[in-house]
C-alpha atoms as a PDB file:
ATOM      1  CA  UNK A   1       0.000   0.000   0.000  1.00  0.00           C
ATOM      2  CA  UNK A   2       1.081   3.575  -0.700  1.00  0.00           C
ATOM      3  CA  UNK A   3       2.782   4.850   2.457  1.00  0.00           C
ATOM      4  CA  UNK A   4       0.661   8.011   2.644  1.00  0.00           C
ATOM      5  CA  UNK A   5      -2.579   6.067   2.313  1.00  0.00           C
ATOM      6  CA  UNK A   6      -1.378   3.730   5.027  1.00  0.00           C
ATOM      7  CA  UNK A   7      -0.585   6.440   7.562  1.00  0.00           C
ATOM      8  CA  UNK A   8      -3.801   8.342   6.887  1.00  0.00           C
ATOM      9  CA  UNK A   9      -5.782   5.114   7.219  1.00  0.00           C
ATOM     10  CA  UNK A  10      -4.077   4.217  10.487  1.00  0.00           C
ATOM     11  CA  UNK A  11      -4.566   7.713  11.895  1.00  0.00           C
ATOM     12  CA  UNK A  12      -8.239   7.667  10.932  1.00  0.00           C
ATOM     13  CA  UNK A  13      -8.724   4.361  12.715  1.00  0.00           C
ATOM     14  CA  UNK A  14      -7.038   5.845  15.792  1.00  0.00           C
ATOM     15  CA  UNK A  15      -9.171   9.007  15.475  1.00  0.00           C
ATOM     16  CA  UNK A  16      -6.219  11.366  15.342  1.00  0.00           C
ATOM     17  CA  UNK A  17      -4.337  13.542  12.917  1.00  0.00           C
ATOM     18  CA  UNK A  18      -0.798  13.060  11.652  1.00  0.00           C
ATOM     19  CA  UNK A  19       2.286  15.162  12.327  1.00  0.00           C
ATOM     20  CA  UNK A  20       4.826  15.864   9.587  1.00  0.00           C
ATOM     21  CA  UNK A  21       8.033  17.625  10.670  1.00  0.00           C
ATOM     22  CA  UNK A  22      10.223  19.412   8.116  1.00  0.00           C
ATOM     23  CA  UNK A  23      14.003  19.361   7.987  1.00  0.00           C
ATOM     24  CA  UNK A  24      16.511  20.833   5.575  1.00  0.00           C
ATOM     25  CA  UNK A  25      18.785  18.276   3.924  1.00  0.00           C
ATOM     26  CA  UNK A  26      22.455  19.140   4.334  1.00  0.00           C
ATOM     27  CA  UNK A  27      21.921  21.401   7.357  1.00  0.00           C
ATOM     28  CA  UNK A  28      24.462  19.663   9.556  1.00  0.00           C
ATOM     29  CA  UNK A  29      26.545  16.543   9.172  1.00  0.00           C
ATOM     30  CA  UNK A  30      25.014  13.257   8.067  1.00  0.00           C
ATOM     31  CA  UNK A  31      25.343  11.970  11.619  1.00  0.00           C
ATOM     32  CA  UNK A  32      23.523  15.031  13.005  1.00  0.00           C
ATOM     33  CA  UNK A  33      20.745  14.726  10.430  1.00  0.00           C
ATOM     34  CA  UNK A  34      20.229  11.005  11.068  1.00  0.00           C
ATOM     35  CA  UNK A  35      20.188  11.586  14.837  1.00  0.00           C
ATOM     36  CA  UNK A  36      17.592  14.336  14.337  1.00  0.00           C
ATOM     37  CA  UNK A  37      15.464  12.019  12.191  1.00  0.00           C
ATOM     38  CA  UNK A  38      15.696   9.332  14.882  1.00  0.00           C
ATOM     39  CA  UNK A  39      14.461  11.862  17.441  1.00  0.00           C
ATOM     40  CA  UNK A  40      11.574  12.958  15.202  1.00  0.00           C
ATOM     41  CA  UNK A  41      10.404   9.390  14.556  1.00  0.00           C
ATOM     42  CA  UNK A  42      10.783   8.332  18.182  1.00  0.00           C
ATOM     43  CA  UNK A  43       8.665  11.300  19.250  1.00  0.00           C
ATOM     44  CA  UNK A  44       5.694  10.948  16.954  1.00  0.00           C
ATOM     45  CA  UNK A  45       6.576  11.876  13.375  1.00  0.00           C
ATOM     46  CA  UNK A  46       4.186  10.075  11.024  1.00  0.00           C
ATOM     47  CA  UNK A  47       6.049  11.246   7.909  1.00  0.00           C
ATOM     48  CA  UNK A  48       8.856  13.616   6.961  1.00  0.00           C
ATOM     49  CA  UNK A  49       8.990  16.629   4.676  1.00  0.00           C
ATOM     50  CA  UNK A  50      12.567  17.059   3.439  1.00  0.00           C
ATOM     51  CA  UNK A  51      13.856  20.301   1.977  1.00  0.00           C
ATOM     52  CA  UNK A  52      16.354  20.364  -0.884  1.00  0.00           C
ATOM     53  CA  UNK A  53      18.367  23.581  -0.525  1.00  0.00           C
ATOM     54  CA  UNK A  54      17.970  26.099  -3.334  1.00  0.00           C
ATOM     55  CA  UNK A  55      19.504  29.560  -3.696  1.00  0.00           C
ATOM     56  CA  UNK A  56      16.185  31.394  -4.105  1.00  0.00           C
ATOM     57  CA  UNK A  57      13.628  29.722  -1.798  1.00  0.00           C
ATOM     58  CA  UNK A  58      10.744  32.115  -2.421  1.00  0.00           C
ATOM     59  CA  UNK A  59       8.251  30.266  -0.188  1.00  0.00           C
ATOM     60  CA  UNK A  60      10.504  30.215   2.859  1.00  0.00           C
ATOM     61  CA  UNK A  61      10.889  32.660   5.714  1.00  0.00           C
ATOM     62  CA  UNK A  62      14.094  33.678   7.535  1.00  0.00           C
ATOM     63  CA  UNK A  63      14.583  30.523   9.617  1.00  0.00           C
ATOM     64  CA  UNK A  64      14.406  28.080   6.718  1.00  0.00           C
ATOM     65  CA  UNK A  65      16.300  30.485   4.456  1.00  0.00           C
ATOM     66  CA  UNK A  66      19.112  30.441   7.017  1.00  0.00           C
ATOM     67  CA  UNK A  67      19.049  26.631   7.037  1.00  0.00           C
ATOM     68  CA  UNK A  68      19.212  26.694   3.238  1.00  0.00           C
ATOM     69  CA  UNK A  69      22.256  28.961   3.311  1.00  0.00           C
ATOM     70  CA  UNK A  70      24.010  26.730   5.857  1.00  0.00           C
ATOM     71  CA  UNK A  71      23.319  23.673   3.717  1.00  0.00           C
ATOM     72  CA  UNK A  72      24.544  25.308   0.516  1.00  0.00           C
ATOM     73  CA  UNK A  73      27.673  26.636   2.212  1.00  0.00           C
ATOM     74  CA  UNK A  74      28.376  23.095   3.385  1.00  0.00           C
ATOM     75  CA  UNK A  75      28.384  22.002  -0.265  1.00  0.00           C
ATOM     76  CA  UNK A  76      25.000  20.268  -0.353  1.00  0.00           C
ATOM     77  CA  UNK A  77      23.873  19.278  -3.859  1.00  0.00           C
ATOM     78  CA  UNK A  78      20.864  17.368  -5.225  1.00  0.00           C
ATOM     79  CA  UNK A  79      23.109  14.292  -5.445  1.00  0.00           C
ATOM     80  CA  UNK A  80      24.059  14.519  -1.785  1.00  0.00           C
ATOM     81  CA  UNK A  81      20.410  15.102  -0.873  1.00  0.00           C
ATOM     82  CA  UNK A  82      19.376  11.906  -2.627  1.00  0.00           C
ATOM     83  CA  UNK A  83      22.179  10.089  -0.792  1.00  0.00           C
ATOM     84  CA  UNK A  84      20.850  11.332   2.570  1.00  0.00           C
ATOM     85  CA  UNK A  85      17.305  10.328   1.623  1.00  0.00           C
ATOM     86  CA  UNK A  86      18.540   6.846   0.666  1.00  0.00           C
ATOM     87  CA  UNK A  87      20.142   6.482   4.088  1.00  0.00           C
ATOM     88  CA  UNK A  88      16.956   7.579   5.870  1.00  0.00           C
ATOM     89  CA  UNK A  89      14.958   5.124   3.743  1.00  0.00           C
ATOM     90  CA  UNK A  90      17.341   2.319   4.704  1.00  0.00           C
ATOM     91  CA  UNK A  91      16.824   3.166   8.367  1.00  0.00           C
ATOM     92  CA  UNK A  92      13.036   3.570   8.039  1.00  0.00           C
ATOM     93  CA  UNK A  93      11.589   1.387   5.266  1.00  0.00           C
ATOM     94  CA  UNK A  94       7.961   2.208   6.127  1.00  0.00           C
ATOM     95  CA  UNK A  95       8.228   5.941   6.830  1.00  0.00           C
ATOM     96  CA  UNK A  96       6.478   8.228   4.340  1.00  0.00           C
ATOM     97  CA  UNK A  97       8.881  10.880   3.017  1.00  0.00           C
ATOM     98  CA  UNK A  98       8.190  13.838   0.787  1.00  0.00           C
ATOM     99  CA  UNK A  99      10.578  16.287  -0.854  1.00  0.00           C
ATOM    100  CA  UNK A 100      10.020  20.037  -0.985  1.00  0.00           C
ATOM    101  CA  UNK A 101      12.024  21.601  -3.782  1.00  0.00           C
ATOM    102  CA  UNK A 102      11.974  24.272  -6.496  1.00  0.00           C
ATOM    103  CA  UNK A 103      11.467  24.027 -10.236  1.00  0.00           C
ATOM    104  CA  UNK A 104      14.986  25.114 -11.243  1.00  0.00           C
ATOM    105  CA  UNK A 105      16.515  22.094  -9.533  1.00  0.00           C
ATOM    106  CA  UNK A 106      14.109  19.698 -11.203  1.00  0.00           C
ATOM    107  CA  UNK A 107      14.410  21.231 -14.682  1.00  0.00           C
ATOM    108  CA  UNK A 108      18.204  21.555 -14.516  1.00  0.00           C
ATOM    109  CA  UNK A 109      18.546  17.834 -13.806  1.00  0.00           C
ATOM    110  CA  UNK A 110      15.898  16.880 -16.326  1.00  0.00           C
ATOM    111  CA  UNK A 111      12.383  16.004 -15.235  1.00  0.00           C
ATOM    112  CA  UNK A 112      12.686  12.313 -16.015  1.00  0.00           C
ATOM    113  CA  UNK A 113      16.047  11.932 -14.308  1.00  0.00           C
ATOM    114  CA  UNK A 114      14.947  13.897 -11.240  1.00  0.00           C
ATOM    115  CA  UNK A 115      11.867  11.787 -10.649  1.00  0.00           C
ATOM    116  CA  UNK A 116      13.752   8.561 -11.343  1.00  0.00           C
ATOM    117  CA  UNK A 117      16.431   9.521  -8.828  1.00  0.00           C
ATOM    118  CA  UNK A 118      13.764  10.526  -6.316  1.00  0.00           C
ATOM    119  CA  UNK A 119      12.058   7.160  -6.672  1.00  0.00           C
ATOM    120  CA  UNK A 120      15.334   5.260  -6.360  1.00  0.00           C
ATOM    121  CA  UNK A 121      16.221   7.203  -3.210  1.00  0.00           C
ATOM    122  CA  UNK A 122      12.919   6.165  -1.647  1.00  0.00           C
ATOM    123  CA  UNK A 123      10.811   9.310  -1.809  1.00  0.00           C
ATOM    124  CA  UNK A 124       7.036   9.047  -1.736  1.00  0.00           C
ATOM    125  CA  UNK A 125       6.155  12.536  -2.971  1.00  0.00           C
ATOM    126  CA  UNK A 126       7.534  15.756  -4.423  1.00  0.00           C
ATOM    127  CA  UNK A 127       6.187  19.249  -3.793  1.00  0.00           C
ATOM    128  CA  UNK A 128       7.622  21.886  -6.140  1.00  0.00           C
ATOM    129  CA  UNK A 129       6.940  25.086  -4.244  1.00  0.00           C
ATOM    130  CA  UNK A 130       7.070  27.516  -7.165  1.00  0.00           C
ATOM    131  CA  UNK A 131       5.050  25.539  -9.725  1.00  0.00           C
ATOM    132  CA  UNK A 132       1.378  26.606  -9.869  1.00  0.00           C
ATOM    133  CA  UNK A 133      -1.275  24.015 -10.535  1.00  0.00           C
ATOM    134  CA  UNK A 134      -1.828  25.145 -14.138  1.00  0.00           C
ATOM    135  CA  UNK A 135       1.795  24.241 -14.959  1.00  0.00           C
ATOM    136  CA  UNK A 136       1.994  20.907 -13.146  1.00  0.00           C
ATOM    137  CA  UNK A 137       1.189  18.484 -15.983  1.00  0.00           C
ATOM    138  CA  UNK A 138       4.745  17.904 -17.339  1.00  0.00           C
ATOM    139  CA  UNK A 139       5.902  17.191 -13.791  1.00  0.00           C
ATOM    140  CA  UNK A 140       2.914  14.988 -13.005  1.00  0.00           C
ATOM    141  CA  UNK A 141       3.567  12.938 -16.155  1.00  0.00           C
ATOM    142  CA  UNK A 142       7.037  12.036 -14.862  1.00  0.00           C
ATOM    143  CA  UNK A 143       5.717  11.526 -11.331  1.00  0.00           C
ATOM    144  CA  UNK A 144       3.190   8.975 -12.555  1.00  0.00           C
ATOM    145  CA  UNK A 145       5.886   7.039 -14.416  1.00  0.00           C
ATOM    146  CA  UNK A 146       7.784   6.582 -11.165  1.00  0.00           C
ATOM    147  CA  UNK A 147       4.818   6.228  -8.768  1.00  0.00           C
ATOM    148  CA  UNK A 148       5.932   9.363  -6.912  1.00  0.00           C
ATOM    149  CA  UNK A 149       3.001  11.335  -5.548  1.00  0.00           C
ATOM    150  CA  UNK A 150       2.383  14.939  -6.572  1.00  0.00           C
ATOM    151  CA  UNK A 151       1.740  17.392  -3.737  1.00  0.00           C
ATOM    152  CA  UNK A 152       0.223  20.795  -4.480  1.00  0.00           C
ATOM    153  CA  UNK A 153      -0.288  23.878  -2.349  1.00  0.00           C
ATOM    154  CA  UNK A 154      -3.730  25.327  -1.650  1.00  0.00           C
ATOM    155  CA  UNK A 155      -3.480  28.974  -0.599  1.00  0.00           C
ATOM    156  CA  UNK A 156      -6.091  30.951   1.360  1.00  0.00           C
ATOM    157  CA  UNK A 157      -6.983  32.968  -1.760  1.00  0.00           C
ATOM    158  CA  UNK A 158      -7.302  29.988  -4.130  1.00  0.00           C
ATOM    159  CA  UNK A 159     -10.245  30.193  -6.525  1.00  0.00           C
ATOM    160  CA  UNK A 160     -12.813  27.446  -6.924  1.00  0.00           C
ATOM    161  CA  UNK A 161     -11.285  26.545 -10.296  1.00  0.00           C
ATOM    162  CA  UNK A 162      -7.811  26.296  -8.768  1.00  0.00           C
ATOM    163  CA  UNK A 163      -9.105  24.098  -5.954  1.00  0.00           C
ATOM    164  CA  UNK A 164     -10.780  21.815  -8.468  1.00  0.00           C
ATOM    165  CA  UNK A 165      -7.445  21.426 -10.293  1.00  0.00           C
ATOM    166  CA  UNK A 166      -5.583  20.866  -7.040  1.00  0.00           C
ATOM    167  CA  UNK A 167      -8.077  18.192  -6.035  1.00  0.00           C
ATOM    168  CA  UNK A 168      -7.583  16.550  -9.435  1.00  0.00           C
ATOM    169  CA  UNK A 169      -3.788  16.581  -9.506  1.00  0.00           C
ATOM    170  CA  UNK A 170      -2.542  16.440  -5.883  1.00  0.00           C
ATOM    171  CA  UNK A 171      -2.211  12.780  -4.959  1.00  0.00           C
ATOM    172  CA  UNK A 172      -0.153  12.262  -1.797  1.00  0.00           C
ATOM    173  CA  UNK A 173      -1.723  14.963   0.311  1.00  0.00           C
ATOM    174  CA  UNK A 174      -2.766  18.572  -0.143  1.00  0.00           C
ATOM    175  CA  UNK A 175      -0.555  21.209   1.478  1.00  0.00           C
ATOM    176  CA  UNK A 176      -2.952  23.844   2.827  1.00  0.00           C
ATOM    177  CA  UNK A 177      -1.219  27.127   3.591  1.00  0.00           C
ATOM    178  CA  UNK A 178      -2.479  28.686   6.808  1.00  0.00           C
ATOM    179  CA  UNK A 179      -1.858  32.254   5.654  1.00  0.00           C
ATOM    180  CA  UNK A 180      -0.414  34.279   2.809  1.00  0.00           C
ATOM    181  CA  UNK A 181       3.323  34.953   2.824  1.00  0.00           C
ATOM    182  CA  UNK A 182       6.263  32.723   3.674  1.00  0.00           C
ATOM    183  CA  UNK A 183       7.033  30.041   6.229  1.00  0.00           C
ATOM    184  CA  UNK A 184       7.769  31.007   9.805  1.00  0.00           C
ATOM    185  CA  UNK A 185       6.714  30.286  13.384  1.00  0.00           C
ATOM    186  CA  UNK A 186       6.867  33.981  14.310  1.00  0.00           C
ATOM    187  CA  UNK A 187       3.557  34.694  12.572  1.00  0.00           C
ATOM    188  CA  UNK A 188       0.303  33.247  13.846  1.00  0.00           C
ATOM    189  CA  UNK A 189      -1.148  30.504  11.688  1.00  0.00           C
ATOM    190  CA  UNK A 190      -4.644  31.028  10.362  1.00  0.00           C
ATOM    191  CA  UNK A 191      -7.338  28.488   9.568  1.00  0.00           C
ATOM    192  CA  UNK A 192      -8.687  28.787   6.005  1.00  0.00           C
ATOM    193  CA  UNK A 193     -11.851  26.836   6.837  1.00  0.00           C
ATOM    194  CA  UNK A 194     -13.522  27.591   3.500  1.00  0.00           C
ATOM    195  CA  UNK A 195     -10.559  26.159   1.604  1.00  0.00           C
ATOM    196  CA  UNK A 196     -10.470  23.045   3.780  1.00  0.00           C
ATOM    197  CA  UNK A 197     -14.198  22.411   3.424  1.00  0.00           C
ATOM    198  CA  UNK A 198     -14.095  22.911  -0.337  1.00  0.00           C
ATOM    199  CA  UNK A 199     -11.205  20.463  -0.680  1.00  0.00           C
ATOM    200  CA  UNK A 200     -13.156  17.932   1.371  1.00  0.00           C
ATOM    201  CA  UNK A 201     -16.201  18.359  -0.863  1.00  0.00           C
ATOM    202  CA  UNK A 202     -13.985  17.864  -3.920  1.00  0.00           C
ATOM    203  CA  UNK A 203     -12.625  14.619  -2.453  1.00  0.00           C
ATOM    204  CA  UNK A 204      -9.088  16.002  -2.595  1.00  0.00           C
ATOM    205  CA  UNK A 205      -6.094  14.218  -1.119  1.00  0.00           C
ATOM    206  CA  UNK A 206      -5.980  14.666   2.685  1.00  0.00           C
ATOM    207  CA  UNK A 207      -5.238  18.222   3.781  1.00  0.00           C
ATOM    208  CA  UNK A 208      -2.226  19.011   5.950  1.00  0.00           C
ATOM    209  CA  UNK A 209      -1.951  22.523   7.371  1.00  0.00           C
ATOM    210  CA  UNK A 210       1.424  24.253   7.204  1.00  0.00           C
ATOM    211  CA  UNK A 211       3.031  27.680   7.850  1.00  0.00           C
ATOM    212  CA  UNK A 212       3.163  28.922  11.442  1.00  0.00           C
ATOM    213  CA  UNK A 213       2.579  25.580  13.169  1.00  0.00           C
ATOM    214  CA  UNK A 214       4.509  25.766  16.431  1.00  0.00           C
ATOM    215  CA  UNK A 215       2.223  24.859  19.353  1.00  0.00           C
ATOM    216  CA  UNK A 216      -0.156  22.161  20.530  1.00  0.00           C
ATOM    217  CA  UNK A 217      -3.068  24.553  19.944  1.00  0.00           C
ATOM    218  CA  UNK A 218      -1.984  25.203  16.345  1.00  0.00           C
ATOM    219  CA  UNK A 219      -2.161  21.473  15.657  1.00  0.00           C
ATOM    220  CA  UNK A 220      -5.462  21.114  17.485  1.00  0.00           C
ATOM    221  CA  UNK A 221      -6.951  23.994  15.496  1.00  0.00           C
ATOM    222  CA  UNK A 222      -5.902  22.327  12.244  1.00  0.00           C
ATOM    223  CA  UNK A 223      -7.529  19.028  13.194  1.00  0.00           C
ATOM    224  CA  UNK A 224     -10.721  20.673  14.425  1.00  0.00           C
ATOM    225  CA  UNK A 225     -10.975  22.609  11.153  1.00  0.00           C
ATOM    226  CA  UNK A 226     -11.036  19.375   9.173  1.00  0.00           C
ATOM    227  CA  UNK A 227      -7.378  18.861   8.267  1.00  0.00           C
ATOM    228  CA  UNK A 228      -5.880  15.387   8.473  1.00  0.00           C
ATOM    229  CA  UNK A 229      -2.754  16.705  10.137  1.00  0.00           C
ATOM    230  CA  UNK A 230      -0.172  19.458  10.339  1.00  0.00           C
ATOM    231  CA  UNK A 231       3.335  20.229   9.094  1.00  0.00           C
ATOM    232  CA  UNK A 232       5.845  21.879  11.430  1.00  0.00           C
ATOM    233  CA  UNK A 233       8.945  23.443   9.915  1.00  0.00           C
ATOM    234  CA  UNK A 234      10.433  26.672  11.224  1.00  0.00           C
ATOM    235  CA  UNK A 235       9.832  25.959  14.919  1.00  0.00           C
ATOM    236  CA  UNK A 236      11.857  22.743  14.668  1.00  0.00           C
ATOM    237  CA  UNK A 237      14.534  24.164  12.364  1.00  0.00           C
ATOM    238  CA  UNK A 238      14.971  27.038  14.822  1.00  0.00           C
ATOM    239  CA  UNK A 239      15.844  24.522  17.541  1.00  0.00           C
ATOM    240  CA  UNK A 240      18.450  22.959  15.255  1.00  0.00           C
ATOM    241  CA  UNK A 241      19.933  26.415  14.758  1.00  0.00           C
ATOM    242  CA  UNK A 242      19.954  27.494  18.416  1.00  0.00           C
ATOM    243  CA  UNK A 243      21.117  24.355  20.215  1.00  0.00           C
ATOM    244  CA  UNK A 244      23.789  21.688  19.883  1.00  0.00           C
ATOM    245  CA  UNK A 245      24.329  18.084  20.836  1.00  0.00           C
ATOM    246  CA  UNK A 246      22.093  16.446  23.409  1.00  0.00           C
ATOM    247  CA  UNK A 247      20.323  19.706  24.242  1.00  0.00           C
ATOM    248  CA  UNK A 248      19.212  20.080  20.601  1.00  0.00           C
ATOM    249  CA  UNK A 249      17.668  16.610  20.612  1.00  0.00           C
ATOM    250  CA  UNK A 250      16.012  17.178  23.998  1.00  0.00           C
ATOM    251  CA  UNK A 251      14.485  20.491  22.906  1.00  0.00           C
ATOM    252  CA  UNK A 252      13.314  18.923  19.658  1.00  0.00           C
ATOM    253  CA  UNK A 253      11.697  16.040  21.520  1.00  0.00           C
ATOM    254  CA  UNK A 254       9.926  18.458  23.868  1.00  0.00           C
ATOM    255  CA  UNK A 255       8.402  20.356  20.947  1.00  0.00           C
ATOM    256  CA  UNK A 256       7.417  17.164  19.133  1.00  0.00           C
ATOM    257  CA  UNK A 257       5.666  15.877  22.242  1.00  0.00           C
ATOM    258  CA  UNK A 258       3.815  19.166  22.623  1.00  0.00           C
ATOM    259  CA  UNK A 259       2.680  19.139  19.000  1.00  0.00           C
ATOM    260  CA  UNK A 260       1.529  15.519  19.237  1.00  0.00           C
ATOM    261  CA  UNK A 261      -0.765  16.409  22.130  1.00  0.00           C
ATOM    262  CA  UNK A 262      -2.853  18.395  19.668  1.00  0.00           C
ATOM    263  CA  UNK A 263      -3.380  15.534  17.211  1.00  0.00           C
ATOM    264  CA  UNK A 264      -6.590  14.307  18.825  1.00  0.00           C
ATOM    265  CA  UNK A 265      -8.283  17.627  18.131  1.00  0.00           C
END
């Protein structure tokens, strides 16, 4: 069974939402990244969203931009990202993993090669943050050849026509943006209830709420609004930036445990 379908099915049976933490590939040594992944999984991560560093991350706020810069300065490339993903997949054969990237990286490698490499590394989905739904078809064609799910973003100002297209083309899950702007835990997340309800009516892939998710209440609000779960990025990446060693892992575990308390709505 598709890993996303499996985790959503299990969560539904348990009457809870799912939690998807984000981490930037290449932000730290391989050992640090694998230790961080271990901590995330041990403390409730149902899936992972993995960032591939890109020089112009237009959807990201200051915290994730800083992680991107650190990763690029460390020499991280798409090849090294796929190597890290392969190692995580070896460690966690059943864990759903999605990639968040940008169109330039996909096009520069060649769409077919990128999706083939993603599939070989063990990815379940790819979200290309700067590709609107009306331009997704060439990417979806390659995704379907490799059985890699397409994930699309639903913004608070999406039109009914856009939502219909998103519901048609987004297959792993639907990334619902809590507010306009960029990622960041410093700005309060909103709840676009109209968008969530419309996606439900359209039988879209399960909605996960992202942008500004940093507390138990944020997660609870997402579940109560009809989302199947939440994505936490900047709040966790900020911990990676501020702390080192055992303290970093302890602080990360504390936040993960707090977020998980909101999954029952």
